[in-house]
Amino acid sequence: MSPGLPILLAFSFGAARLSATVIATNPPALSLTLERVATLPADKQSAWRDYLKNSERQLRADQEFFQKELRHDHITQPTTPPEAHGVRGIPLDKPAEWYSQTEALRIADIVISFQTPTDD
C-alpha cells in the first residue's frame, strides 16, 4: 500500500461528513452621496465633495460623447452585444499575425467602443 493512501482515504471519508455553511455575506456597497460625505469629519469632506463633482463632470462628458457617437453613426437605439466569456469572446490563443487580420480588428473595435473618453 502506498504511504499516502491512508491519509487520502482519511480525507475522503472525513470530507463526506462535512457540510458547508454560509458564514457571512457581503452587503452591497452604499452609494457615495453628499449626504454621506456630510457625516465625515469636516477636514475630509472637501476632498470627497471635489471627487463627487469631478465624477459628475466625467459622467456628463461620457454621456455627451456617447450621444454624439450615436448621432454620428446614425444609431437611434444602442444595442447590447452578445455575452461572451474568456477565449470565446476575445481569442487569446491565436498566432501573433492573426491579431492584425479583419476579425481581430473587428473585435478590437468593439472592445474600444465600450471605453469612455474618461477611461485612462
PDB file of N, CA and C in Angstrom:
ATOM      1  N   MET A   1       0.847  -1.171   0.000  1.00  0.00           N
ATOM      2  CA  MET A   1       0.000   0.000   0.000  1.00  0.00           C
ATOM      3  C   MET A   1       0.892   1.235   0.000  1.00  0.00           C
ATOM      4  N   SER A   2       0.498   2.230  -0.783  1.00  0.00           N
ATOM      5  CA  SER A   2       1.234   3.486  -0.870  1.00  0.00           C
ATOM      6  C   SER A   2       1.163   4.207   0.471  1.00  0.00           C
ATOM      7  N   PRO A   3       2.281   4.856   0.917  1.00  0.00           N
ATOM      8  CA  PRO A   3       2.256   5.520   2.219  1.00  0.00           C
ATOM      9  C   PRO A   3       1.238   6.665   2.284  1.00  0.00           C
ATOM     10  N   GLY A   4       0.923   7.283   1.165  1.00  0.00           N
ATOM     11  CA  GLY A   4      -0.033   8.397   1.178  1.00  0.00           C
ATOM     12  C   GLY A   4      -1.481   7.955   1.113  1.00  0.00           C
ATOM     13  N   LEU A   5      -1.732   6.672   0.789  1.00  0.00           N
ATOM     14  CA  LEU A   5      -3.097   6.193   0.622  1.00  0.00           C
ATOM     15  C   LEU A   5      -3.926   6.288   1.902  1.00  0.00           C
ATOM     16  N   PRO A   6      -3.413   5.896   3.088  1.00  0.00           N
ATOM     17  CA  PRO A   6      -4.237   6.035   4.298  1.00  0.00           C
ATOM     18  C   PRO A   6      -4.661   7.487   4.554  1.00  0.00           C
ATOM     19  N   ILE A   7      -3.769   8.412   4.295  1.00  0.00           N
ATOM     20  CA  ILE A   7      -4.101   9.824   4.507  1.00  0.00           C
ATOM     21  C   ILE A   7      -5.187  10.256   3.521  1.00  0.00           C
ATOM     22  N   LEU A   8      -5.030   9.853   2.253  1.00  0.00           N
ATOM     23  CA  LEU A   8      -6.021  10.186   1.234  1.00  0.00           C
ATOM     24  C   LEU A   8      -7.382   9.608   1.598  1.00  0.00           C
ATOM     25  N   LEU A   9      -7.403   8.362   2.063  1.00  0.00           N
ATOM     26  CA  LEU A   9      -8.666   7.737   2.447  1.00  0.00           C
ATOM     27  C   LEU A   9      -9.289   8.441   3.647  1.00  0.00           C
ATOM     28  N   ALA A  10      -8.472   8.845   4.614  1.00  0.00           N
ATOM     29  CA  ALA A  10      -8.984   9.551   5.792  1.00  0.00           C
ATOM     30  C   ALA A  10      -9.633  10.872   5.380  1.00  0.00           C
ATOM     31  N   PHE A  11      -8.971  11.600   4.473  1.00  0.00           N
ATOM     32  CA  PHE A  11      -9.543  12.845   3.984  1.00  0.00           C
ATOM     33  C   PHE A  11     -10.841  12.600   3.222  1.00  0.00           C
ATOM     34  N   SER A  12     -10.849  11.567   2.396  1.00  0.00           N
ATOM     35  CA  SER A  12     -12.030  11.265   1.593  1.00  0.00           C
ATOM     36  C   SER A  12     -13.225  10.946   2.464  1.00  0.00           C
ATOM     37  N   PHE A  13     -13.048  10.072   3.458  1.00  0.00           N
ATOM     38  CA  PHE A  13     -14.169   9.695   4.311  1.00  0.00           C
ATOM     39  C   PHE A  13     -14.547  10.826   5.259  1.00  0.00           C
ATOM     40  N   GLY A  14     -13.564  11.560   5.728  1.00  0.00           N
ATOM     41  CA  GLY A  14     -13.845  12.683   6.620  1.00  0.00           C
ATOM     42  C   GLY A  14     -14.589  13.793   5.912  1.00  0.00           C
ATOM     43  N   ALA A  15     -14.239  14.060   4.668  1.00  0.00           N
ATOM     44  CA  ALA A  15     -14.891  15.118   3.914  1.00  0.00           C
ATOM     45  C   ALA A  15     -16.344  14.803   3.639  1.00  0.00           C
ATOM     46  N   ALA A  16     -16.691  13.531   3.576  1.00  0.00           N
ATOM     47  CA  ALA A  16     -18.077  13.139   3.302  1.00  0.00           C
ATOM     48  C   ALA A  16     -19.000  13.576   4.429  1.00  0.00           C
ATOM     49  N   ARG A  17     -18.476  13.733   5.640  1.00  0.00           N
ATOM     50  CA  ARG A  17     -19.315  14.122   6.775  1.00  0.00           C
ATOM     51  C   ARG A  17     -19.387  15.639   6.948  1.00  0.00           C
ATOM     52  N   LEU A  18     -18.564  16.373   6.236  1.00  0.00           N
ATOM     53  CA  LEU A  18     -18.554  17.825   6.367  1.00  0.00           C
ATOM     54  C   LEU A  18     -19.709  18.427   5.589  1.00  0.00           C
ATOM     55  N   SER A  19     -20.175  19.560   6.049  1.00  0.00           N
ATOM     56  CA  SER A  19     -21.192  20.280   5.296  1.00  0.00           C
ATOM     57  C   SER A  19     -20.781  21.745   5.227  1.00  0.00           C
ATOM     58  N   ALA A  20     -21.233  22.376   4.201  1.00  0.00           N
ATOM     59  CA  ALA A  20     -20.900  23.784   4.009  1.00  0.00           C
ATOM     60  C   ALA A  20     -21.965  24.650   4.656  1.00  0.00           C
ATOM     61  N   THR A  21     -21.528  25.750   5.217  1.00  0.00           N
ATOM     62  CA  THR A  21     -22.469  26.724   5.758  1.00  0.00           C
ATOM     63  C   THR A  21     -22.043  28.106   5.300  1.00  0.00           C
ATOM     64  N   VAL A  22     -22.987  28.975   5.204  1.00  0.00           N
ATOM     65  CA  VAL A  22     -22.689  30.358   4.860  1.00  0.00           C
ATOM     66  C   VAL A  22     -22.257  31.054   6.137  1.00  0.00           C
ATOM     67  N   ILE A  23     -21.044  31.563   6.129  1.00  0.00           N
ATOM     68  CA  ILE A  23     -20.519  32.224   7.326  1.00  0.00           C
ATOM     69  C   ILE A  23     -21.020  33.653   7.391  1.00  0.00           C
ATOM     70  N   ALA A  24     -20.941  34.346   6.265  1.00  0.00           N
ATOM     71  CA  ALA A  24     -21.387  35.737   6.226  1.00  0.00           C
ATOM     72  C   ALA A  24     -21.606  36.122   4.774  1.00  0.00           C
ATOM     73  N   THR A  25     -22.238  37.225   4.581  1.00  0.00           N
ATOM     74  CA  THR A  25     -22.420  37.739   3.227  1.00  0.00           C
ATOM     75  C   THR A  25     -21.895  39.162   3.188  1.00  0.00           C
ATOM     76  N   ASN A  26     -21.523  39.574   2.015  1.00  0.00           N
ATOM     77  CA  ASN A  26     -21.070  40.949   1.840  1.00  0.00           C
ATOM     78  C   ASN A  26     -22.268  41.817   1.490  1.00  0.00           C
ATOM     79  N   PRO A  27     -22.566  42.800   2.310  1.00  0.00           N
ATOM     80  CA  PRO A  27     -23.675  43.694   1.955  1.00  0.00           C
ATOM     81  C   PRO A  27     -23.255  44.555   0.761  1.00  0.00           C
ATOM     82  N   PRO A  28     -24.209  44.979  -0.035  1.00  0.00           N
ATOM     83  CA  PRO A  28     -23.844  45.836  -1.162  1.00  0.00           C
ATOM     84  C   PRO A  28     -23.255  47.152  -0.653  1.00  0.00           C
ATOM     85  N   ALA A  29     -22.343  47.697  -1.433  1.00  0.00           N
ATOM     86  CA  ALA A  29     -21.716  48.966  -1.054  1.00  0.00           C
ATOM     87  C   ALA A  29     -22.750  50.081  -1.106  1.00  0.00           C
ATOM     88  N   LEU A  30     -22.664  50.997  -0.167  1.00  0.00           N
ATOM     89  CA  LEU A  30     -23.547  52.158  -0.169  1.00  0.00           C
ATOM     90  C   LEU A  30     -23.057  53.163  -1.198  1.00  0.00           C
ATOM     91  N   SER A  31     -23.981  53.850  -1.832  1.00  0.00           N
ATOM     92  CA  SER A  31     -23.611  54.877  -2.800  1.00  0.00           C
ATOM     93  C   SER A  31     -22.935  56.038  -2.086  1.00  0.00           C
ATOM     94  N   LEU A  32     -21.996  56.647  -2.772  1.00  0.00           N
ATOM     95  CA  LEU A  32     -21.343  57.831  -2.234  1.00  0.00           C
ATOM     96  C   LEU A  32     -22.200  59.034  -2.597  1.00  0.00           C
ATOM     97  N   THR A  33     -22.739  59.667  -1.591  1.00  0.00           N
ATOM     98  CA  THR A  33     -23.624  60.812  -1.799  1.00  0.00           C
ATOM     99  C   THR A  33     -23.138  61.989  -0.961  1.00  0.00           C
ATOM    100  N   LEU A  34     -23.655  63.169  -1.287  1.00  0.00           N
ATOM    101  CA  LEU A  34     -23.314  64.345  -0.484  1.00  0.00           C
ATOM    102  C   LEU A  34     -23.786  64.167   0.964  1.00  0.00           C
ATOM    103  N   GLU A  35     -24.902  63.464   1.142  1.00  0.00           N
ATOM    104  CA  GLU A  35     -25.401  63.210   2.495  1.00  0.00           C
ATOM    105  C   GLU A  35     -24.416  62.355   3.291  1.00  0.00           C
ATOM    106  N   ARG A  36     -23.845  61.337   2.662  1.00  0.00           N
ATOM    107  CA  ARG A  36     -22.851  60.507   3.357  1.00  0.00           C
ATOM    108  C   ARG A  36     -21.578  61.294   3.623  1.00  0.00           C
ATOM    109  N   VAL A  37     -21.175  62.131   2.655  1.00  0.00           N
ATOM    110  CA  VAL A  37     -19.965  62.952   2.832  1.00  0.00           C
ATOM    111  C   VAL A  37     -20.153  63.886   4.027  1.00  0.00           C
ATOM    112  N   ALA A  38     -21.369  64.393   4.211  1.00  0.00           N
ATOM    113  CA  ALA A  38     -21.644  65.324   5.316  1.00  0.00           C
ATOM    114  C   ALA A  38     -21.458  64.673   6.682  1.00  0.00           C
ATOM    115  N   THR A  39     -21.458  63.349   6.740  1.00  0.00           N
ATOM    116  CA  THR A  39     -21.262  62.665   8.028  1.00  0.00           C
ATOM    117  C   THR A  39     -19.791  62.455   8.365  1.00  0.00           C
ATOM    118  N   LEU A  40     -18.911  62.763   7.414  1.00  0.00           N
ATOM    119  CA  LEU A  40     -17.473  62.586   7.633  1.00  0.00           C
ATOM    120  C   LEU A  40     -16.922  63.737   8.473  1.00  0.00           C
ATOM    121  N   PRO A  41     -15.728  63.543   9.053  1.00  0.00           N
ATOM    122  CA  PRO A  41     -15.083  64.662   9.743  1.00  0.00           C
ATOM    123  C   PRO A  41     -14.906  65.839   8.781  1.00  0.00           C
ATOM    124  N   ALA A  42     -15.039  67.038   9.284  1.00  0.00           N
ATOM    125  CA  ALA A  42     -15.024  68.253   8.459  1.00  0.00           C
ATOM    126  C   ALA A  42     -13.790  68.334   7.561  1.00  0.00           C
ATOM    127  N   ASP A  43     -12.632  67.915   8.068  1.00  0.00           N
ATOM    128  CA  ASP A  43     -11.400  68.034   7.277  1.00  0.00           C
ATOM    129  C   ASP A  43     -11.342  67.036   6.111  1.00  0.00           C
ATOM    130  N   LYS A  44     -12.229  66.057   6.064  1.00  0.00           N
ATOM    131  CA  LYS A  44     -12.262  65.065   4.978  1.00  0.00           C
ATOM    132  C   LYS A  44     -13.322  65.397   3.916  1.00  0.00           C
ATOM    133  N   GLN A  45     -14.279  66.233   4.264  1.00  0.00           N
ATOM    134  CA  GLN A  45     -15.418  66.463   3.384  1.00  0.00           C
ATOM    135  C   GLN A  45     -15.060  67.149   2.070  1.00  0.00           C
ATOM    136  N   SER A  46     -14.182  68.105   2.108  1.00  0.00           N
ATOM    137  CA  SER A  46     -13.858  68.870   0.897  1.00  0.00           C
ATOM    138  C   SER A  46     -13.320  67.978  -0.219  1.00  0.00           C
ATOM    139  N   ALA A  47     -12.406  67.086   0.120  1.00  0.00           N
ATOM    140  CA  ALA A  47     -11.821  66.203  -0.884  1.00  0.00           C
ATOM    141  C   ALA A  47     -12.889  65.301  -1.508  1.00  0.00           C
ATOM    142  N   TRP A  48     -13.822  64.799  -0.679  1.00  0.00           N
ATOM    143  CA  TRP A  48     -14.876  63.922  -1.198  1.00  0.00           C
ATOM    144  C   TRP A  48     -15.897  64.700  -2.021  1.00  0.00           C
ATOM    145  N   ARG A  49     -16.195  65.936  -1.620  1.00  0.00           N
ATOM    146  CA  ARG A  49     -17.097  66.760  -2.447  1.00  0.00           C
ATOM    147  C   ARG A  49     -16.452  67.043  -3.800  1.00  0.00           C
ATOM    148  N   ASP A  50     -15.154  67.316  -3.812  1.00  0.00           N
ATOM    149  CA  ASP A  50     -14.438  67.527  -5.081  1.00  0.00           C
ATOM    150  C   ASP A  50     -14.474  66.267  -5.935  1.00  0.00           C
ATOM    151  N   TYR A  51     -14.300  65.113  -5.292  1.00  0.00           N
ATOM    152  CA  TYR A  51     -14.345  63.841  -6.006  1.00  0.00           C
ATOM    153  C   TYR A  51     -15.709  63.639  -6.661  1.00  0.00           C
ATOM    154  N   LEU A  52     -16.779  63.880  -5.904  1.00  0.00           N
ATOM    155  CA  LEU A  52     -18.125  63.733  -6.455  1.00  0.00           C
ATOM    156  C   LEU A  52     -18.369  64.702  -7.604  1.00  0.00           C
ATOM    157  N   LYS A  53     -17.938  65.937  -7.452  1.00  0.00           N
ATOM    158  CA  LYS A  53     -18.105  66.949  -8.507  1.00  0.00           C
ATOM    159  C   LYS A  53     -17.372  66.520  -9.779  1.00  0.00           C
ATOM    160  N   ASN A  54     -16.149  66.025  -9.627  1.00  0.00           N
ATOM    161  CA  ASN A  54     -15.376  65.556 -10.784  1.00  0.00           C
ATOM    162  C   ASN A  54     -16.030  64.329 -11.418  1.00  0.00           C
ATOM    163  N   SER A  55     -16.539  63.424 -10.602  1.00  0.00           N
ATOM    164  CA  SER A  55     -17.212  62.232 -11.127  1.00  0.00           C
ATOM    165  C   SER A  55     -18.447  62.612 -11.933  1.00  0.00           C
ATOM    166  N   GLU A  56     -19.212  63.555 -11.430  1.00  0.00           N
ATOM    167  CA  GLU A  56     -20.411  64.014 -12.153  1.00  0.00           C
ATOM    168  C   GLU A  56     -20.018  64.668 -13.477  1.00  0.00           C
ATOM    169  N   ARG A  57     -18.937  65.454 -13.461  1.00  0.00           N
ATOM    170  CA  ARG A  57     -18.456  66.089 -14.691  1.00  0.00           C
ATOM    171  C   ARG A  57     -18.045  65.026 -15.703  1.00  0.00           C
ATOM    172  N   GLN A  58     -17.327  64.014 -15.252  1.00  0.00           N
ATOM    173  CA  GLN A  58     -16.904  62.941 -16.150  1.00  0.00           C
ATOM    174  C   GLN A  58     -18.095  62.157 -16.690  1.00  0.00           C
ATOM    175  N   LEU A  59     -19.089  61.915 -15.849  1.00  0.00           N
ATOM    176  CA  LEU A  59     -20.292  61.204 -16.291  1.00  0.00           C
ATOM    177  C   LEU A  59     -20.989  62.001 -17.400  1.00  0.00           C
ATOM    178  N   ARG A  60     -21.152  63.300 -17.203  1.00  0.00           N
ATOM    179  CA  ARG A  60     -21.782  64.127 -18.244  1.00  0.00           C
ATOM    180  C   ARG A  60     -20.974  64.094 -19.532  1.00  0.00           C
ATOM    181  N   ALA A  61     -19.645  64.177 -19.421  1.00  0.00           N
ATOM    182  CA  ALA A  61     -18.795  64.135 -20.621  1.00  0.00           C
ATOM    183  C   ALA A  61     -18.934  62.793 -21.334  1.00  0.00           C
ATOM    184  N   ASP A  62     -18.972  61.705 -20.581  1.00  0.00           N
ATOM    185  CA  ASP A  62     -19.143  60.370 -21.171  1.00  0.00           C
ATOM    186  C   ASP A  62     -20.485  60.262 -21.888  1.00  0.00           C
ATOM    187  N   GLN A  63     -21.551  60.740 -21.233  1.00  0.00           N
ATOM    188  CA  GLN A  63     -22.881  60.664 -21.828  1.00  0.00           C
ATOM    189  C   GLN A  63     -22.965  61.508 -23.098  1.00  0.00           C
ATOM    190  N   GLU A  64     -22.388  62.715 -23.059  1.00  0.00           N
ATOM    191  CA  GLU A  64     -22.395  63.576 -24.242  1.00  0.00           C
ATOM    192  C   GLU A  64     -21.607  62.935 -25.386  1.00  0.00           C
ATOM    193  N   PHE A  65     -20.460  62.356 -25.074  1.00  0.00           N
ATOM    194  CA  PHE A  65     -19.652  61.705 -26.097  1.00  0.00           C
ATOM    195  C   PHE A  65     -20.413  60.530 -26.710  1.00  0.00           C
ATOM    196  N   PHE A  66     -21.070  59.749 -25.865  1.00  0.00           N
ATOM    197  CA  PHE A  66     -21.827  58.592 -26.334  1.00  0.00           C
ATOM    198  C   PHE A  66     -22.961  59.034 -27.260  1.00  0.00           C
ATOM    199  N   GLN A  67     -23.698  60.053 -26.862  1.00  0.00           N
ATOM    200  CA  GLN A  67     -24.794  60.555 -27.698  1.00  0.00           C
ATOM    201  C   GLN A  67     -24.271  61.100 -29.027  1.00  0.00           C
ATOM    202  N   LYS A  68     -23.144  61.787 -28.981  1.00  0.00           N
ATOM    203  CA  LYS A  68     -22.532  62.306 -30.208  1.00  0.00           C
ATOM    204  C   LYS A  68     -22.124  61.152 -31.129  1.00  0.00           C
ATOM    205  N   GLU A  69     -21.553  60.099 -30.544  1.00  0.00           N
ATOM    206  CA  GLU A  69     -21.146  58.929 -31.314  1.00  0.00           C
ATOM    207  C   GLU A  69     -22.360  58.260 -31.966  1.00  0.00           C
ATOM    208  N   LEU A  70     -23.455  58.153 -31.227  1.00  0.00           N
ATOM    209  CA  LEU A  70     -24.672  57.574 -31.790  1.00  0.00           C
ATOM    210  C   LEU A  70     -25.182  58.412 -32.965  1.00  0.00           C
ATOM    211  N   ARG A  71     -25.235  59.734 -32.770  1.00  0.00           N
ATOM    212  CA  ARG A  71     -25.700  60.611 -33.860  1.00  0.00           C
ATOM    213  C   ARG A  71     -24.795  60.496 -35.075  1.00  0.00           C
ATOM    214  N   HIS A  72     -23.483  60.488 -34.840  1.00  0.00           N
ATOM    215  CA  HIS A  72     -22.509  60.407 -35.941  1.00  0.00           C
ATOM    216  C   HIS A  72     -22.711  59.142 -36.769  1.00  0.00           C
ATOM    217  N   ASP A  73     -23.019  58.041 -36.094  1.00  0.00           N
ATOM    218  CA  ASP A  73     -23.177  56.753 -36.779  1.00  0.00           C
ATOM    219  C   ASP A  73     -24.638  56.449 -37.128  1.00  0.00           C
ATOM    220  N   HIS A  74     -25.512  57.454 -36.957  1.00  0.00           N
ATOM    221  CA  HIS A  74     -26.935  57.321 -37.302  1.00  0.00           C
ATOM    222  C   HIS A  74     -27.585  56.140 -36.576  1.00  0.00           C
ATOM    223  N   ILE A  75     -27.267  56.009 -35.302  1.00  0.00           N
ATOM    224  CA  ILE A  75     -27.833  54.944 -34.478  1.00  0.00           C
ATOM    225  C   ILE A  75     -28.878  55.573 -33.565  1.00  0.00           C
ATOM    226  N   THR A  76     -30.105  55.082 -33.653  1.00  0.00           N
ATOM    227  CA  THR A  76     -31.161  55.642 -32.824  1.00  0.00           C
ATOM    228  C   THR A  76     -31.341  54.886 -31.516  1.00  0.00           C
ATOM    229  N   GLN A  77     -30.964  53.622 -31.497  1.00  0.00           N
ATOM    230  CA  GLN A  77     -31.121  52.812 -30.293  1.00  0.00           C
ATOM    231  C   GLN A  77     -29.852  51.989 -30.070  1.00  0.00           C
ATOM    232  N   PRO A  78     -29.113  52.240 -28.978  1.00  0.00           N
ATOM    233  CA  PRO A  78     -27.919  51.424 -28.718  1.00  0.00           C
ATOM    234  C   PRO A  78     -28.316  49.977 -28.461  1.00  0.00           C
ATOM    235  N   THR A  79     -27.439  49.064 -28.806  1.00  0.00           N
ATOM    236  CA  THR A  79     -27.705  47.645 -28.604  1.00  0.00           C
ATOM    237  C   THR A  79     -26.698  47.066 -27.621  1.00  0.00           C
ATOM    238  N   THR A  80     -27.056  45.953 -27.045  1.00  0.00           N
ATOM    239  CA  THR A  80     -26.171  45.239 -26.128  1.00  0.00           C
ATOM    240  C   THR A  80     -25.517  44.102 -26.902  1.00  0.00           C
ATOM    241  N   PRO A  81     -24.203  43.988 -26.842  1.00  0.00           N
ATOM    242  CA  PRO A  81     -23.535  42.901 -27.569  1.00  0.00           C
ATOM    243  C   PRO A  81     -23.865  41.551 -26.935  1.00  0.00           C
ATOM    244  N   PRO A  82     -23.723  40.478 -27.688  1.00  0.00           N
ATOM    245  CA  PRO A  82     -23.946  39.160 -27.092  1.00  0.00           C
ATOM    246  C   PRO A  82     -22.916  38.902 -25.994  1.00  0.00           C
ATOM    247  N   GLU A  83     -23.346  38.211 -24.956  1.00  0.00           N
ATOM    248  CA  GLU A  83     -22.452  37.916 -23.840  1.00  0.00           C
ATOM    249  C   GLU A  83     -21.414  36.886 -24.259  1.00  0.00           C
ATOM    250  N   ALA A  84     -20.194  37.101 -23.846  1.00  0.00           N
ATOM    251  CA  ALA A  84     -19.113  36.160 -24.135  1.00  0.00           C
ATOM    252  C   ALA A  84     -18.171  36.130 -22.938  1.00  0.00           C
ATOM    253  N   HIS A  85     -17.505  35.015 -22.750  1.00  0.00           N
ATOM    254  CA  HIS A  85     -16.586  34.857 -21.625  1.00  0.00           C
ATOM    255  C   HIS A  85     -15.264  34.280 -22.119  1.00  0.00           C
ATOM    256  N   GLY A  86     -14.176  34.809 -21.587  1.00  0.00           N
ATOM    257  CA  GLY A  86     -12.849  34.247 -21.843  1.00  0.00           C
ATOM    258  C   GLY A  86     -12.489  34.178 -23.310  1.00  0.00           C
ATOM    259  N   VAL A  87     -11.835  33.098 -23.672  1.00  0.00           N
ATOM    260  CA  VAL A  87     -11.304  32.986 -25.025  1.00  0.00           C
ATOM    261  C   VAL A  87     -12.392  32.866 -26.083  1.00  0.00           C
ATOM    262  N   ARG A  88     -13.635  32.564 -25.681  1.00  0.00           N
ATOM    263  CA  ARG A  88     -14.712  32.521 -26.673  1.00  0.00           C
ATOM    264  C   ARG A  88     -15.059  33.933 -27.139  1.00  0.00           C
ATOM    265  N   GLY A  89     -14.869  34.935 -26.296  1.00  0.00           N
ATOM    266  CA  GLY A  89     -15.206  36.308 -26.659  1.00  0.00           C
ATOM    267  C   GLY A  89     -14.042  37.019 -27.310  1.00  0.00           C
ATOM    268  N   ILE A  90     -12.895  36.925 -26.718  1.00  0.00           N
ATOM    269  CA  ILE A  90     -11.685  37.552 -27.237  1.00  0.00           C
ATOM    270  C   ILE A  90     -10.623  36.462 -27.303  1.00  0.00           C
ATOM    271  N   PRO A  91     -10.355  35.947 -28.478  1.00  0.00           N
ATOM    272  CA  PRO A  91      -9.375  34.853 -28.587  1.00  0.00           C
ATOM    273  C   PRO A  91      -7.999  35.289 -28.096  1.00  0.00           C
ATOM    274  N   LEU A  92      -7.449  34.516 -27.194  1.00  0.00           N
ATOM    275  CA  LEU A  92      -6.127  34.824 -26.659  1.00  0.00           C
ATOM    276  C   LEU A  92      -5.098  33.782 -27.068  1.00  0.00           C
ATOM    277  N   ASP A  93      -5.525  32.828 -27.886  1.00  0.00           N
ATOM    278  CA  ASP A  93      -4.653  31.708 -28.221  1.00  0.00           C
ATOM    279  C   ASP A  93      -4.284  31.667 -29.699  1.00  0.00           C
ATOM    280  N   LYS A  94      -4.361  32.804 -30.375  1.00  0.00           N
ATOM    281  CA  LYS A  94      -4.071  32.852 -31.806  1.00  0.00           C
ATOM    282  C   LYS A  94      -2.601  33.220 -32.039  1.00  0.00           C
ATOM    283  N   PRO A  95      -2.068  32.858 -33.199  1.00  0.00           N
ATOM    284  CA  PRO A  95      -0.716  33.292 -33.538  1.00  0.00           C
ATOM    285  C   PRO A  95      -0.678  34.820 -33.700  1.00  0.00           C
ATOM    286  N   ALA A  96       0.475  35.405 -33.482  1.00  0.00           N
ATOM    287  CA  ALA A  96       0.617  36.865 -33.479  1.00  0.00           C
ATOM    288  C   ALA A  96       0.052  37.510 -34.744  1.00  0.00           C
ATOM    289  N   GLU A  97       0.246  36.913 -35.895  1.00  0.00           N
ATOM    290  CA  GLU A  97      -0.225  37.535 -37.142  1.00  0.00           C
ATOM    291  C   GLU A  97      -1.754  37.600 -37.230  1.00  0.00           C
ATOM    292  N   TRP A  98      -2.454  36.749 -36.490  1.00  0.00           N
ATOM    293  CA  TRP A  98      -3.914  36.767 -36.515  1.00  0.00           C
ATOM    294  C   TRP A  98      -4.469  38.102 -36.025  1.00  0.00           C
ATOM    295  N   TYR A  99      -3.781  38.729 -35.053  1.00  0.00           N
ATOM    296  CA  TYR A  99      -4.290  39.935 -34.418  1.00  0.00           C
ATOM    297  C   TYR A  99      -4.275  41.161 -35.324  1.00  0.00           C
ATOM    298  N   SER A 100      -3.694  41.064 -36.505  1.00  0.00           N
ATOM    299  CA  SER A 100      -3.744  42.183 -37.456  1.00  0.00           C
ATOM    300  C   SER A 100      -4.743  41.908 -38.578  1.00  0.00           C
ATOM    301  N   GLN A 101      -5.470  40.813 -38.488  1.00  0.00           N
ATOM    302  CA  GLN A 101      -6.432  40.473 -39.530  1.00  0.00           C
ATOM    303  C   GLN A 101      -7.814  41.055 -39.212  1.00  0.00           C
ATOM    304  N   THR A 102      -8.702  40.978 -40.164  1.00  0.00           N
ATOM    305  CA  THR A 102     -10.017  41.605 -40.092  1.00  0.00           C
ATOM    306  C   THR A 102     -10.801  41.242 -38.843  1.00  0.00           C
ATOM    307  N   GLU A 103     -10.905  39.967 -38.515  1.00  0.00           N
ATOM    308  CA  GLU A 103     -11.713  39.548 -37.364  1.00  0.00           C
ATOM    309  C   GLU A 103     -11.149  40.105 -36.061  1.00  0.00           C
ATOM    310  N   ALA A 104      -9.842  40.063 -35.894  1.00  0.00           N
ATOM    311  CA  ALA A 104      -9.233  40.598 -34.674  1.00  0.00           C
ATOM    312  C   ALA A 104      -9.453  42.105 -34.576  1.00  0.00           C
ATOM    313  N   LEU A 105      -9.333  42.803 -35.681  1.00  0.00           N
ATOM    314  CA  LEU A 105      -9.538  44.252 -35.678  1.00  0.00           C
ATOM    315  C   LEU A 105     -11.004  44.589 -35.382  1.00  0.00           C
ATOM    316  N   ARG A 106     -11.928  43.765 -35.867  1.00  0.00           N
ATOM    317  CA  ARG A 106     -13.348  43.966 -35.587  1.00  0.00           C
ATOM    318  C   ARG A 106     -13.592  43.825 -34.081  1.00  0.00           C
ATOM    319  N   ILE A 107     -13.006  42.799 -33.473  1.00  0.00           N
ATOM    320  CA  ILE A 107     -13.166  42.595 -32.028  1.00  0.00           C
ATOM    321  C   ILE A 107     -12.543  43.757 -31.263  1.00  0.00           C
ATOM    322  N   ALA A 108     -11.382  44.205 -31.686  1.00  0.00           N
ATOM    323  CA  ALA A 108     -10.724  45.336 -31.017  1.00  0.00           C
ATOM    324  C   ALA A 108     -11.592  46.587 -31.093  1.00  0.00           C
ATOM    325  N   ASP A 109     -12.218  46.822 -32.237  1.00  0.00           N
ATOM    326  CA  ASP A 109     -13.106  47.979 -32.381  1.00  0.00           C
ATOM    327  C   ASP A 109     -14.280  47.899 -31.415  1.00  0.00           C
ATOM    328  N   ILE A 110     -14.813  46.702 -31.236  1.00  0.00           N
ATOM    329  CA  ILE A 110     -15.934  46.517 -30.306  1.00  0.00           C
ATOM    330  C   ILE A 110     -15.480  46.807 -28.878  1.00  0.00           C
ATOM    331  N   VAL A 111     -14.337  46.268 -28.495  1.00  0.00           N
ATOM    332  CA  VAL A 111     -13.820  46.498 -27.142  1.00  0.00           C
ATOM    333  C   VAL A 111     -13.603  47.987 -26.913  1.00  0.00           C
ATOM    334  N   ILE A 112     -12.979  48.649 -27.865  1.00  0.00           N
ATOM    335  CA  ILE A 112     -12.695  50.076 -27.731  1.00  0.00           C
ATOM    336  C   ILE A 112     -13.979  50.884 -27.662  1.00  0.00           C
ATOM    337  N   SER A 113     -15.017  50.445 -28.374  1.00  0.00           N
ATOM    338  CA  SER A 113     -16.269  51.201 -28.372  1.00  0.00           C
ATOM    339  C   SER A 113     -16.915  51.251 -26.996  1.00  0.00           C
ATOM    340  N   PHE A 114     -16.548  50.334 -26.098  1.00  0.00           N
ATOM    341  CA  PHE A 114     -17.116  50.343 -24.762  1.00  0.00           C
ATOM    342  C   PHE A 114     -16.278  51.146 -23.778  1.00  0.00           C
ATOM    343  N   GLN A 115     -15.165  51.655 -24.217  1.00  0.00           N
ATOM    344  CA  GLN A 115     -14.363  52.516 -23.367  1.00  0.00           C
ATOM    345  C   GLN A 115     -14.879  53.934 -23.508  1.00  0.00           C
ATOM    346  N   THR A 116     -14.814  54.682 -22.448  1.00  0.00           N
ATOM    347  CA  THR A 116     -15.337  56.039 -22.464  1.00  0.00           C
ATOM    348  C   THR A 116     -14.186  57.020 -22.594  1.00  0.00           C
ATOM    349  N   PRO A 117     -14.484  58.251 -22.996  1.00  0.00           N
ATOM    350  CA  PRO A 117     -13.414  59.248 -23.158  1.00  0.00           C
ATOM    351  C   PRO A 117     -12.634  59.505 -21.884  1.00  0.00           C
ATOM    352  N   THR A 118     -13.215  59.239 -20.729  1.00  0.00           N
ATOM    353  CA  THR A 118     -12.521  59.493 -19.471  1.00  0.00           C
ATOM    354  C   THR A 118     -11.738  58.287 -18.982  1.00  0.00           C
ATOM    355  N   ASP A 119     -11.858  57.129 -19.665  1.00  0.00           N
ATOM    356  CA  ASP A 119     -11.046  55.974 -19.282  1.00  0.00           C
ATOM    357  C   ASP A 119      -9.597  56.271 -19.636  1.00  0.00           C
ATOM    358  N   ASP A 120      -8.741  55.946 -18.704  1.00  0.00           N
ATOM    359  CA  ASP A 120      -7.312  56.165 -18.948  1.00  0.00           C
ATOM    360  C   ASP A 120      -6.635  54.882 -19.366  1.00  0.00           C
TER     361      ASP A 120
END
